[in-house]
Amino acid sequence: MERRHNLKPEYSLFNEQDKDNKIVHFLKACSQLCAPLGSEALSIAADRFGISRFELFLQMAEFKAREGQQNG
């Protein structure tokens, strides 16, 4: 069963337009989670963004490094 959200398409995380900005919002949300994302969640997110899990992982690592520099 596919889960639907109530967000307008222009606010959807997975809107094809402005994909890089949506990935940043996704990474910001992930950085606020207490537990790391599971493998299945990463696969779903990568599929939605049209990138590989490895590429998403690299972007997450880069984001965390930049976030650490800003907060450190």
C-alpha atoms as a PDB file:
ATOM      1  CA  MET A   1       0.000   0.000   0.000  1.00  0.00           C
ATOM      2  CA  GLU A   2       1.426   3.342  -1.025  1.00  0.00           C
ATOM      3  CA  ARG A   3       1.436   6.027   1.634  1.00  0.00           C
ATOM      4  CA  ARG A   4       0.197   9.459   0.601  1.00  0.00           C
ATOM      5  CA  HIS A   5       1.115  12.749   2.193  1.00  0.00           C
ATOM      6  CA  ASN A   6      -1.002  15.863   2.561  1.00  0.00           C
ATOM      7  CA  LEU A   7       1.674  18.267   1.375  1.00  0.00           C
ATOM      8  CA  LYS A   8       1.157  20.353  -1.707  1.00  0.00           C
ATOM      9  CA  PRO A   9       3.398  19.193  -4.588  1.00  0.00           C
ATOM     10  CA  GLU A  10       5.538  22.330  -4.449  1.00  0.00           C
ATOM     11  CA  TYR A  11       6.400  21.511  -0.836  1.00  0.00           C
ATOM     12  CA  SER A  12       6.991  17.825  -1.430  1.00  0.00           C
ATOM     13  CA  LEU A  13      10.456  16.582  -0.542  1.00  0.00           C
ATOM     14  CA  PHE A  14      10.479  14.521  -3.705  1.00  0.00           C
ATOM     15  CA  ASN A  15       9.434  17.238  -6.140  1.00  0.00           C
ATOM     16  CA  GLU A  16      11.567  16.761  -9.252  1.00  0.00           C
ATOM     17  CA  GLN A  17      12.158  20.493  -9.603  1.00  0.00           C
ATOM     18  CA  ASP A  18      14.912  21.893  -7.430  1.00  0.00           C
ATOM     19  CA  LYS A  19      16.020  18.379  -6.481  1.00  0.00           C
ATOM     20  CA  ASP A  20      19.330  19.483  -4.924  1.00  0.00           C
ATOM     21  CA  ASN A  21      17.524  21.830  -2.541  1.00  0.00           C
ATOM     22  CA  LYS A  22      15.137  19.020  -1.579  1.00  0.00           C
ATOM     23  CA  ILE A  23      18.085  16.736  -0.827  1.00  0.00           C
ATOM     24  CA  VAL A  24      19.496  19.389   1.522  1.00  0.00           C
ATOM     25  CA  HIS A  25      16.147  19.607   3.337  1.00  0.00           C
ATOM     26  CA  PHE A  26      16.110  15.803   3.567  1.00  0.00           C
ATOM     27  CA  LEU A  27      19.631  15.778   4.998  1.00  0.00           C
ATOM     28  CA  LYS A  28      18.738  18.477   7.535  1.00  0.00           C
ATOM     29  CA  ALA A  29      15.787  16.383   8.672  1.00  0.00           C
ATOM     30  CA  CYS A  30      17.987  13.284   8.912  1.00  0.00           C
ATOM     31  CA  SER A  31      20.551  15.122  11.013  1.00  0.00           C
ATOM     32  CA  GLN A  32      17.853  15.844  13.593  1.00  0.00           C
ATOM     33  CA  LEU A  33      16.839  12.192  13.956  1.00  0.00           C
ATOM     34  CA  CYS A  34      17.960  10.408  17.102  1.00  0.00           C
ATOM     35  CA  ALA A  35      18.574   7.097  15.338  1.00  0.00           C
ATOM     36  CA  PRO A  36      20.350   6.629  12.011  1.00  0.00           C
ATOM     37  CA  LEU A  37      18.244   5.829   8.997  1.00  0.00           C
ATOM     38  CA  GLY A  38      17.864   2.183   8.141  1.00  0.00           C
ATOM     39  CA  SER A  39      19.025   0.653   4.895  1.00  0.00           C
ATOM     40  CA  GLU A  40      15.483   0.424   3.540  1.00  0.00           C
ATOM     41  CA  ALA A  41      14.799   4.105   4.243  1.00  0.00           C
ATOM     42  CA  LEU A  42      18.013   5.092   2.454  1.00  0.00           C
ATOM     43  CA  SER A  43      17.057   2.941  -0.527  1.00  0.00           C
ATOM     44  CA  ILE A  44      13.619   4.537  -0.758  1.00  0.00           C
ATOM     45  CA  ALA A  45      15.020   8.062  -0.462  1.00  0.00           C
ATOM     46  CA  ALA A  46      17.728   7.404  -3.051  1.00  0.00           C
ATOM     47  CA  ASP A  47      15.155   5.958  -5.460  1.00  0.00           C
ATOM     48  CA  ARG A  48      12.917   8.987  -5.016  1.00  0.00           C
ATOM     49  CA  PHE A  49      15.822  11.361  -5.687  1.00  0.00           C
ATOM     50  CA  GLY A  50      16.953   9.297  -8.667  1.00  0.00           C
ATOM     51  CA  ILE A  51      20.440   8.701  -7.260  1.00  0.00           C
ATOM     52  CA  SER A  52      22.273   5.670  -5.907  1.00  0.00           C
ATOM     53  CA  ARG A  53      22.330   4.814  -2.213  1.00  0.00           C
ATOM     54  CA  PHE A  54      26.078   5.374  -2.268  1.00  0.00           C
ATOM     55  CA  GLU A  55      25.670   8.866  -3.740  1.00  0.00           C
ATOM     56  CA  LEU A  56      23.054   9.709  -1.098  1.00  0.00           C
ATOM     57  CA  PHE A  57      25.381   8.388   1.600  1.00  0.00           C
ATOM     58  CA  LEU A  58      28.222  10.579   0.281  1.00  0.00           C
ATOM     59  CA  GLN A  59      25.962  13.625   0.265  1.00  0.00           C
ATOM     60  CA  MET A  60      24.878  12.851   3.821  1.00  0.00           C
ATOM     61  CA  ALA A  61      28.521  12.584   4.920  1.00  0.00           C
ATOM     62  CA  GLU A  62      29.413  15.853   3.181  1.00  0.00           C
ATOM     63  CA  PHE A  63      26.425  17.570   4.779  1.00  0.00           C
ATOM     64  CA  LYS A  64      27.384  16.297   8.237  1.00  0.00           C
ATOM     65  CA  ALA A  65      30.956  17.535   7.738  1.00  0.00           C
ATOM     66  CA  ARG A  66      29.769  21.015   6.715  1.00  0.00           C
ATOM     67  CA  GLU A  67      27.280  21.078   9.579  1.00  0.00           C
ATOM     68  CA  GLY A  68      30.055  20.134  12.013  1.00  0.00           C
ATOM     69  CA  GLN A  69      32.295  22.930  10.739  1.00  0.00           C
ATOM     70  CA  GLN A  70      29.513  25.480  11.165  1.00  0.00           C
ATOM     71  CA  ASN A  71      28.654  24.297  14.677  1.00  0.00           C
ATOM     72  CA  GLY A  72      32.225  23.580  15.767  1.00  0.00           C
END
